[in-house]
Amino acid sequence: MSVREIRVFGDPVLRERAQPVDPAAPATAALVQDLLDTVQLPGRAGVAACQIGVAKAAFSYLVDDELGYVLNPRIDEVRGEPQLVDEGCLSVPELGFPTPRHPFCRVIGEDLEGREVVLEGEGLMAQMLQHEMGHLDGRLYLQALDKETRSIAMAEVRKAAWY
């Protein structure tokens, strides 16, 4: 398949709630391959389907040299008080802001064969899971920022050359 272009802030697909995917559909296998190809570029931890223009419930990840994907995921558990972590997003290029994230997250979904997939972890894995699940809900991480930080972030977005 191929590395796909990342959609940026302002693209309507980023605000759509992802629709479930049929793991057995040939189009789903092609989507998964594109997600896997796209996440493997340097500096990427996760890519949601909406970021490549497809409003479907799927994302790929590459965290601590572990490459994978999940279809139709749902958050099963978050643990711990949210902590501020530096976060950025491929769909909001070149910017990053302290974002509240739970220190542990578990997501349950399925693979292309319909088998259950459980992804969980702390640190970058927990952050990535929460970030990608936000994308599948039609939200960017900017919406998780406190009011003052979000105001600063939006001013930076408006000044960005890509906006």
C-alpha atoms as a PDB file:
ATOM      1  CA  MET A   1       0.000   0.000   0.000  1.00  0.00           C
ATOM      2  CA  SER A   2       1.395   3.433   0.796  1.00  0.00           C
ATOM      3  CA  VAL A   3       2.299   6.206   3.169  1.00  0.00           C
ATOM      4  CA  ARG A   4      -0.671   8.549   3.213  1.00  0.00           C
ATOM      5  CA  GLU A   5      -0.746  12.319   3.635  1.00  0.00           C
ATOM      6  CA  ILE A   6      -1.711  13.510   7.112  1.00  0.00           C
ATOM      7  CA  ARG A   7      -4.774  15.751   7.298  1.00  0.00           C
ATOM      8  CA  VAL A   8      -4.249  18.919   9.326  1.00  0.00           C
ATOM      9  CA  PHE A   9      -6.312  21.086  11.646  1.00  0.00           C
ATOM     10  CA  GLY A  10      -9.311  22.498   9.816  1.00  0.00           C
ATOM     11  CA  ASP A  11      -9.981  19.371   7.741  1.00  0.00           C
ATOM     12  CA  PRO A  12     -13.578  18.298   8.503  1.00  0.00           C
ATOM     13  CA  VAL A  13     -12.704  14.576   8.670  1.00  0.00           C
ATOM     14  CA  LEU A  14     -10.755  15.253  11.883  1.00  0.00           C
ATOM     15  CA  ARG A  15     -13.995  16.303  13.605  1.00  0.00           C
ATOM     16  CA  GLU A  16     -16.010  13.253  12.550  1.00  0.00           C
ATOM     17  CA  ARG A  17     -16.737  10.457  15.000  1.00  0.00           C
ATOM     18  CA  ALA A  18     -15.213   7.289  13.580  1.00  0.00           C
ATOM     19  CA  GLN A  19     -17.575   4.614  12.299  1.00  0.00           C
ATOM     20  CA  PRO A  20     -17.022   0.915  13.090  1.00  0.00           C
ATOM     21  CA  VAL A  21     -15.091  -1.119  10.552  1.00  0.00           C
ATOM     22  CA  ASP A  22     -15.739  -4.637   9.316  1.00  0.00           C
ATOM     23  CA  PRO A  23     -12.517  -6.558  10.009  1.00  0.00           C
ATOM     24  CA  ALA A  24     -13.281  -9.009   7.172  1.00  0.00           C
ATOM     25  CA  ALA A  25     -13.776  -6.352   4.474  1.00  0.00           C
ATOM     26  CA  PRO A  26     -10.958  -6.094   1.911  1.00  0.00           C
ATOM     27  CA  ALA A  27     -10.997  -2.300   2.293  1.00  0.00           C
ATOM     28  CA  THR A  28     -10.178  -2.727   5.991  1.00  0.00           C
ATOM     29  CA  ALA A  29      -7.018  -4.715   5.242  1.00  0.00           C
ATOM     30  CA  ALA A  30      -5.923  -1.986   2.810  1.00  0.00           C
ATOM     31  CA  LEU A  31      -6.646   0.703   5.429  1.00  0.00           C
ATOM     32  CA  VAL A  32      -4.602  -1.175   8.039  1.00  0.00           C
ATOM     33  CA  GLN A  33      -1.651  -1.480   5.665  1.00  0.00           C
ATOM     34  CA  ASP A  34      -1.777   2.250   4.897  1.00  0.00           C
ATOM     35  CA  LEU A  35      -1.933   3.039   8.634  1.00  0.00           C
ATOM     36  CA  LEU A  36       1.054   0.770   9.334  1.00  0.00           C
ATOM     37  CA  ASP A  37       3.058   2.281   6.472  1.00  0.00           C
ATOM     38  CA  THR A  38       2.202   5.820   7.552  1.00  0.00           C
ATOM     39  CA  VAL A  39       3.061   5.416  11.249  1.00  0.00           C
ATOM     40  CA  GLN A  40       6.554   4.124  10.474  1.00  0.00           C
ATOM     41  CA  LEU A  41       7.961   7.488   9.426  1.00  0.00           C
ATOM     42  CA  PRO A  42      10.318   8.968  12.046  1.00  0.00           C
ATOM     43  CA  GLY A  43       8.772  10.801  15.001  1.00  0.00           C
ATOM     44  CA  ARG A  44       5.406   9.059  14.886  1.00  0.00           C
ATOM     45  CA  ALA A  45       3.820   7.116  17.759  1.00  0.00           C
ATOM     46  CA  GLY A  46       0.288   6.726  16.379  1.00  0.00           C
ATOM     47  CA  VAL A  47      -1.873   7.475  13.359  1.00  0.00           C
ATOM     48  CA  ALA A  48      -5.676   7.382  13.444  1.00  0.00           C
ATOM     49  CA  ALA A  49      -7.638   6.578  10.287  1.00  0.00           C
ATOM     50  CA  CYS A  50      -9.190  10.065  10.245  1.00  0.00           C
ATOM     51  CA  GLN A  51      -5.705  11.542   9.989  1.00  0.00           C
ATOM     52  CA  ILE A  52      -5.366   9.897   6.583  1.00  0.00           C
ATOM     53  CA  GLY A  53      -8.864  10.949   5.562  1.00  0.00           C
ATOM     54  CA  VAL A  54     -10.899   7.887   6.568  1.00  0.00           C
ATOM     55  CA  ALA A  55     -13.511   8.305   9.342  1.00  0.00           C
ATOM     56  CA  LYS A  56     -13.244   4.694  10.514  1.00  0.00           C
ATOM     57  CA  ALA A  57     -12.458   3.257  13.949  1.00  0.00           C
ATOM     58  CA  ALA A  58      -8.852   2.189  13.454  1.00  0.00           C
ATOM     59  CA  PHE A  59      -5.384   3.349  14.375  1.00  0.00           C
ATOM     60  CA  SER A  60      -1.805   2.171  14.084  1.00  0.00           C
ATOM     61  CA  TYR A  61       1.007   2.659  16.571  1.00  0.00           C
ATOM     62  CA  LEU A  62       4.759   2.439  16.889  1.00  0.00           C
ATOM     63  CA  VAL A  63       5.810   2.712  20.533  1.00  0.00           C
ATOM     64  CA  ASP A  64       9.031   1.309  21.985  1.00  0.00           C
ATOM     65  CA  ASP A  65       9.696  -0.518  18.689  1.00  0.00           C
ATOM     66  CA  GLU A  66       6.284  -2.250  18.884  1.00  0.00           C
ATOM     67  CA  LEU A  67       4.358  -1.796  15.637  1.00  0.00           C
ATOM     68  CA  GLY A  68       0.678  -2.656  15.483  1.00  0.00           C
ATOM     69  CA  TYR A  69      -2.890  -1.613  14.869  1.00  0.00           C
ATOM     70  CA  VAL A  70      -6.323  -1.971  16.414  1.00  0.00           C
ATOM     71  CA  LEU A  71      -9.823  -1.891  14.933  1.00  0.00           C
ATOM     72  CA  ASN A  72     -12.994  -0.755  16.680  1.00  0.00           C
ATOM     73  CA  PRO A  73     -11.168   0.131  19.902  1.00  0.00           C
ATOM     74  CA  ARG A  74     -12.726   1.317  23.134  1.00  0.00           C
ATOM     75  CA  ILE A  75     -11.108   2.516  26.316  1.00  0.00           C
ATOM     76  CA  ASP A  76     -11.462  -0.186  28.939  1.00  0.00           C
ATOM     77  CA  GLU A  77      -9.603   1.518  31.776  1.00  0.00           C
ATOM     78  CA  VAL A  78      -7.623   4.594  32.681  1.00  0.00           C
ATOM     79  CA  ARG A  79      -5.837   4.811  35.998  1.00  0.00           C
ATOM     80  CA  GLY A  80      -4.263   7.573  38.030  1.00  0.00           C
ATOM     81  CA  GLU A  81      -4.813  11.282  38.208  1.00  0.00           C
ATOM     82  CA  PRO A  82      -4.167  13.044  34.904  1.00  0.00           C
ATOM     83  CA  GLN A  83      -0.689  14.523  34.645  1.00  0.00           C
ATOM     84  CA  LEU A  84       0.539  17.163  32.245  1.00  0.00           C
ATOM     85  CA  VAL A  85       2.720  15.675  29.514  1.00  0.00           C
ATOM     86  CA  ASP A  86       4.247  17.415  26.526  1.00  0.00           C
ATOM     87  CA  GLU A  87       2.187  16.430  23.533  1.00  0.00           C
ATOM     88  CA  GLY A  88       2.006  17.206  19.857  1.00  0.00           C
ATOM     89  CA  CYS A  89      -0.003  15.913  16.923  1.00  0.00           C
ATOM     90  CA  LEU A  90       0.737  15.216  13.287  1.00  0.00           C
ATOM     91  CA  SER A  91      -2.506  17.038  12.460  1.00  0.00           C
ATOM     92  CA  VAL A  92      -1.298  20.139  14.332  1.00  0.00           C
ATOM     93  CA  PRO A  93       2.265  20.213  12.964  1.00  0.00           C
ATOM     94  CA  GLU A  94       5.220  21.825  14.698  1.00  0.00           C
ATOM     95  CA  LEU A  95       3.288  22.684  17.871  1.00  0.00           C
ATOM     96  CA  GLY A  96       3.154  21.028  21.261  1.00  0.00           C
ATOM     97  CA  PHE A  97       1.506  21.802  24.567  1.00  0.00           C
ATOM     98  CA  PRO A  98       1.241  20.304  28.071  1.00  0.00           C
ATOM     99  CA  THR A  99      -1.775  18.000  27.927  1.00  0.00           C
ATOM    100  CA  PRO A 100      -3.486  16.175  30.811  1.00  0.00           C
ATOM    101  CA  ARG A 101      -3.219  12.392  30.394  1.00  0.00           C
ATOM    102  CA  HIS A 102      -3.845   9.501  32.751  1.00  0.00           C
ATOM    103  CA  PRO A 103      -0.624   7.608  33.516  1.00  0.00           C
ATOM    104  CA  PHE A 104      -2.181   4.234  32.580  1.00  0.00           C
ATOM    105  CA  CYS A 105      -4.581   3.307  29.798  1.00  0.00           C
ATOM    106  CA  ARG A 106      -6.030   0.060  28.442  1.00  0.00           C
ATOM    107  CA  VAL A 107      -7.821  -0.182  25.097  1.00  0.00           C
ATOM    108  CA  ILE A 108      -9.654  -3.232  23.788  1.00  0.00           C
ATOM    109  CA  GLY A 109     -10.442  -3.756  20.114  1.00  0.00           C
ATOM    110  CA  GLU A 110      -9.924  -6.372  17.431  1.00  0.00           C
ATOM    111  CA  ASP A 111      -7.610  -7.384  14.610  1.00  0.00           C
ATOM    112  CA  LEU A 112      -8.326  -8.232  10.971  1.00  0.00           C
ATOM    113  CA  GLU A 113      -9.368 -11.768  11.956  1.00  0.00           C
ATOM    114  CA  GLY A 114     -11.860 -10.451  14.520  1.00  0.00           C
ATOM    115  CA  ARG A 115      -9.715 -11.601  17.461  1.00  0.00           C
ATOM    116  CA  GLU A 116      -9.605  -9.463  20.584  1.00  0.00           C
ATOM    117  CA  VAL A 117      -6.651  -7.090  20.884  1.00  0.00           C
ATOM    118  CA  VAL A 118      -5.706  -5.585  24.245  1.00  0.00           C
ATOM    119  CA  LEU A 119      -3.302  -2.654  24.289  1.00  0.00           C
ATOM    120  CA  GLU A 120      -2.207  -1.195  27.587  1.00  0.00           C
ATOM    121  CA  GLY A 121       0.628   0.639  29.148  1.00  0.00           C
ATOM    122  CA  GLU A 122       2.054   3.593  30.934  1.00  0.00           C
ATOM    123  CA  GLY A 123       4.100   6.513  29.716  1.00  0.00           C
ATOM    124  CA  LEU A 124       4.162   7.014  25.963  1.00  0.00           C
ATOM    125  CA  MET A 125       1.873   4.014  25.343  1.00  0.00           C
ATOM    126  CA  ALA A 126      -0.809   5.409  27.687  1.00  0.00           C
ATOM    127  CA  GLN A 127      -0.462   8.854  26.139  1.00  0.00           C
ATOM    128  CA  MET A 128      -0.684   7.505  22.592  1.00  0.00           C
ATOM    129  CA  LEU A 129      -3.755   5.382  23.376  1.00  0.00           C
ATOM    130  CA  GLN A 130      -5.628   8.350  24.856  1.00  0.00           C
ATOM    131  CA  HIS A 131      -4.525  10.624  22.011  1.00  0.00           C
ATOM    132  CA  GLU A 132      -5.623   8.237  19.240  1.00  0.00           C
ATOM    133  CA  MET A 133      -8.922   7.465  20.976  1.00  0.00           C
ATOM    134  CA  GLY A 134      -9.572  11.213  21.020  1.00  0.00           C
ATOM    135  CA  HIS A 135      -9.107  11.254  17.244  1.00  0.00           C
ATOM    136  CA  LEU A 136     -11.647   8.451  16.873  1.00  0.00           C
ATOM    137  CA  ASP A 137     -14.122  10.554  18.870  1.00  0.00           C
ATOM    138  CA  GLY A 138     -13.549  13.478  16.477  1.00  0.00           C
ATOM    139  CA  ARG A 139     -11.395  15.458  18.907  1.00  0.00           C
ATOM    140  CA  LEU A 140      -7.889  16.859  18.661  1.00  0.00           C
ATOM    141  CA  TYR A 141      -5.657  17.017  21.714  1.00  0.00           C
ATOM    142  CA  LEU A 142      -6.079  20.800  21.725  1.00  0.00           C
ATOM    143  CA  GLN A 143      -9.576  20.248  23.112  1.00  0.00           C
ATOM    144  CA  ALA A 144      -8.102  18.558  26.208  1.00  0.00           C
ATOM    145  CA  LEU A 145      -6.029  21.613  27.127  1.00  0.00           C
ATOM    146  CA  ASP A 146      -6.990  23.935  29.960  1.00  0.00           C
ATOM    147  CA  LYS A 147      -8.688  27.150  28.860  1.00  0.00           C
ATOM    148  CA  GLU A 148      -5.614  29.388  29.071  1.00  0.00           C
ATOM    149  CA  THR A 149      -3.302  26.950  27.287  1.00  0.00           C
ATOM    150  CA  ARG A 150      -5.916  26.294  24.630  1.00  0.00           C
ATOM    151  CA  SER A 151      -6.219  30.008  23.943  1.00  0.00           C
ATOM    152  CA  ILE A 152      -2.437  30.223  23.469  1.00  0.00           C
ATOM    153  CA  ALA A 153      -2.489  27.089  21.301  1.00  0.00           C
ATOM    154  CA  MET A 154      -5.205  28.417  19.031  1.00  0.00           C
ATOM    155  CA  ALA A 155      -3.309  31.685  18.568  1.00  0.00           C
ATOM    156  CA  GLU A 156      -0.256  29.630  17.533  1.00  0.00           C
ATOM    157  CA  VAL A 157      -2.373  27.559  15.127  1.00  0.00           C
ATOM    158  CA  ARG A 158      -3.687  30.717  13.465  1.00  0.00           C
ATOM    159  CA  LYS A 159      -0.108  31.960  12.977  1.00  0.00           C
ATOM    160  CA  ALA A 160       1.174  28.649  11.567  1.00  0.00           C
ATOM    161  CA  ALA A 161       2.207  28.599   7.909  1.00  0.00           C
ATOM    162  CA  TRP A 162       0.238  25.390   7.294  1.00  0.00           C
ATOM    163  CA  TYR A 163      -3.053  26.840   8.602  1.00  0.00           C
END
